[in-house]
Protein backbone atom coordinates (compact mmCIF):
# COMPACT_ATOMS: atom_id res chain seq x y z
CA UNK A 1 67.33 19.36 -4.88
CA UNK A 2 66.84 16.43 -2.49
CA UNK A 3 64.48 18.53 -0.36
CA UNK A 4 62.44 19.43 -3.42
CA UNK A 5 62.14 15.77 -4.34
CA UNK A 6 61.20 14.94 -0.75
CA UNK A 7 58.50 17.65 -0.74
CA UNK A 8 57.22 16.51 -4.13
CA UNK A 9 57.14 12.88 -2.95
CA UNK A 10 55.29 13.84 0.25
CA UNK A 11 52.79 15.89 -1.79
CA UNK A 12 52.13 12.98 -4.14
CA UNK A 13 51.71 10.58 -1.20
CA UNK A 14 49.32 13.01 0.55
CA UNK A 15 47.34 13.56 -2.68
CA UNK A 16 47.03 9.80 -3.17
CA UNK A 17 45.74 9.43 0.42
CA UNK A 18 43.18 12.20 -0.18
CA UNK A 19 42.11 10.62 -3.46
CA UNK A 20 41.71 7.26 -1.70
CA UNK A 21 39.61 8.87 1.04
CA UNK A 22 37.47 10.73 -1.49
CA UNK A 23 37.04 7.52 -3.49
CA UNK A 24 35.87 5.69 -0.34
CA UNK A 25 33.37 8.47 0.41
CA UNK A 26 32.15 8.35 -3.18
CA UNK A 27 31.76 4.56 -3.11
CA UNK A 28 29.89 4.72 0.20
CA UNK A 29 27.64 7.51 -1.09
CA UNK A 30 27.02 5.62 -4.34
CA UNK A 31 26.09 2.43 -2.45
CA UNK A 32 23.73 4.33 -0.13
CA UNK A 33 22.08 6.20 -2.99
CA UNK A 34 21.57 3.01 -5.00
CA UNK A 35 19.88 1.40 -2.00
CA UNK A 36 17.64 4.46 -1.57
CA UNK A 37 16.77 4.56 -5.25
CA UNK A 38 15.87 0.86 -5.20
CA UNK A 39 13.72 1.39 -2.10
CA UNK A 40 11.99 4.40 -3.70
CA UNK A 41 11.36 2.43 -6.89
CA UNK A 42 9.80 -0.44 -4.90
CA UNK A 43 7.73 2.05 -2.92
CA UNK A 44 6.54 3.73 -6.12
CA UNK A 45 5.55 0.36 -7.56
CA UNK A 46 3.73 -0.59 -4.35
CA UNK A 47 1.99 2.79 -4.33
CA UNK A 48 0.80 2.33 -7.90
CA UNK A 49 -0.49 -1.15 -7.10
CA UNK A 50 -2.27 0.14 -3.97
CA UNK A 51 -3.79 3.03 -5.94
CA UNK A 52 -5.06 0.62 -8.58
CA UNK A 53 -6.52 -1.67 -5.91
CA UNK A 54 -8.14 1.33 -4.20
CA UNK A 55 -9.78 2.36 -7.46
CA UNK A 56 -11.14 -1.17 -7.90
CA UNK A 57 -12.51 -1.20 -4.35
CA UNK A 58 -14.10 2.23 -4.78
CA UNK A 59 -15.72 1.06 -8.02
CA UNK A 60 -17.02 -2.05 -6.25
CA UNK A 61 -18.48 0.11 -3.48
CA UNK A 62 -20.19 2.36 -6.03
CA UNK A 63 -21.58 -0.67 -7.90
CA UNK A 64 -22.81 -2.18 -4.64
CA UNK A 65 -24.51 1.11 -3.71
CA UNK A 66 -26.23 1.29 -7.09
CA UNK A 67 -27.38 -2.33 -6.82
CA UNK A 68 -28.74 -1.71 -3.31
CA UNK A 69 -30.59 1.39 -4.52
CA UNK A 70 -32.15 -0.57 -7.35
CA UNK A 71 -33.23 -3.33 -4.97
CA UNK A 72 -34.69 -0.80 -2.55
CA UNK A 73 -36.61 0.89 -5.33
CA UNK A 74 -38.02 -2.45 -6.48
CA UNK A 75 -39.11 -3.31 -2.94
CA UNK A 76 -40.75 0.09 -2.50
CA UNK A 77 -42.45 -0.18 -5.89
CA UNK A 78 -43.86 -3.60 -5.00
CA UNK A 79 -45.03 -2.26 -1.64
CA UNK A 80 -46.71 0.70 -3.32
CA UNK A 81 -48.33 -1.63 -5.84
CA UNK A 82 -49.65 -3.88 -3.05
CA UNK A 83 -50.84 -0.88 -1.02
CA UNK A 84 -52.55 0.55 -4.08
CA UNK A 85 -54.53 -2.66 -4.53
CA UNK A 86 -55.53 -2.64 -0.86
CA UNK A 87 -56.46 1.04 -1.06
CA UNK A 88 -58.57 0.48 -4.17
CA UNK A 89 -60.31 -2.49 -2.55
CA UNK A 90 -60.96 -0.49 0.63
CA UNK A 91 -62.35 2.46 -1.36
CA UNK A 92 -64.71 0.24 -3.33
CA UNK A 93 -65.81 -1.55 -0.16
CA UNK A 94 -66.50 1.80 1.51
CA UNK A 95 -68.33 3.08 -1.54
CA UNK A 96 -70.37 -0.12 -1.71
CA UNK A 97 -71.29 0.17 1.98
CA UNK A 98 -72.30 3.81 1.50
CA UNK A 99 -74.30 2.94 -1.61
CA UNK A 100 -76.19 0.15 0.23
CA UNK A 101 -76.99 2.57 3.12
CA UNK A 102 -78.06 5.25 0.64
CA UNK A 103 -80.39 2.87 -1.15
CA UNK A 104 -81.82 1.69 2.17
CA UNK A 105 -82.85 5.24 3.08
């Protein structure tokens, strides 16, 4: 009976050591996972903020492009308007010169 008690005692001691080791592994794993989860959560937040900022920048670029197109169109329209006046003046001057020569003949 003393041997049975000794074996039972040794089994309980060994089981307690295994439980302690498993508990240490669990605690270490839990600590590591919590750190990783926190890091992933911060990264997700940073990613969302960066995505939002990127959308704002892209919108600003699009708005800038539209504004530049409008300005370019206004410049071209004013140039066409000025050229049209010069062209009309040149045509009338040429017609007048031709008319004076025609009347002189």
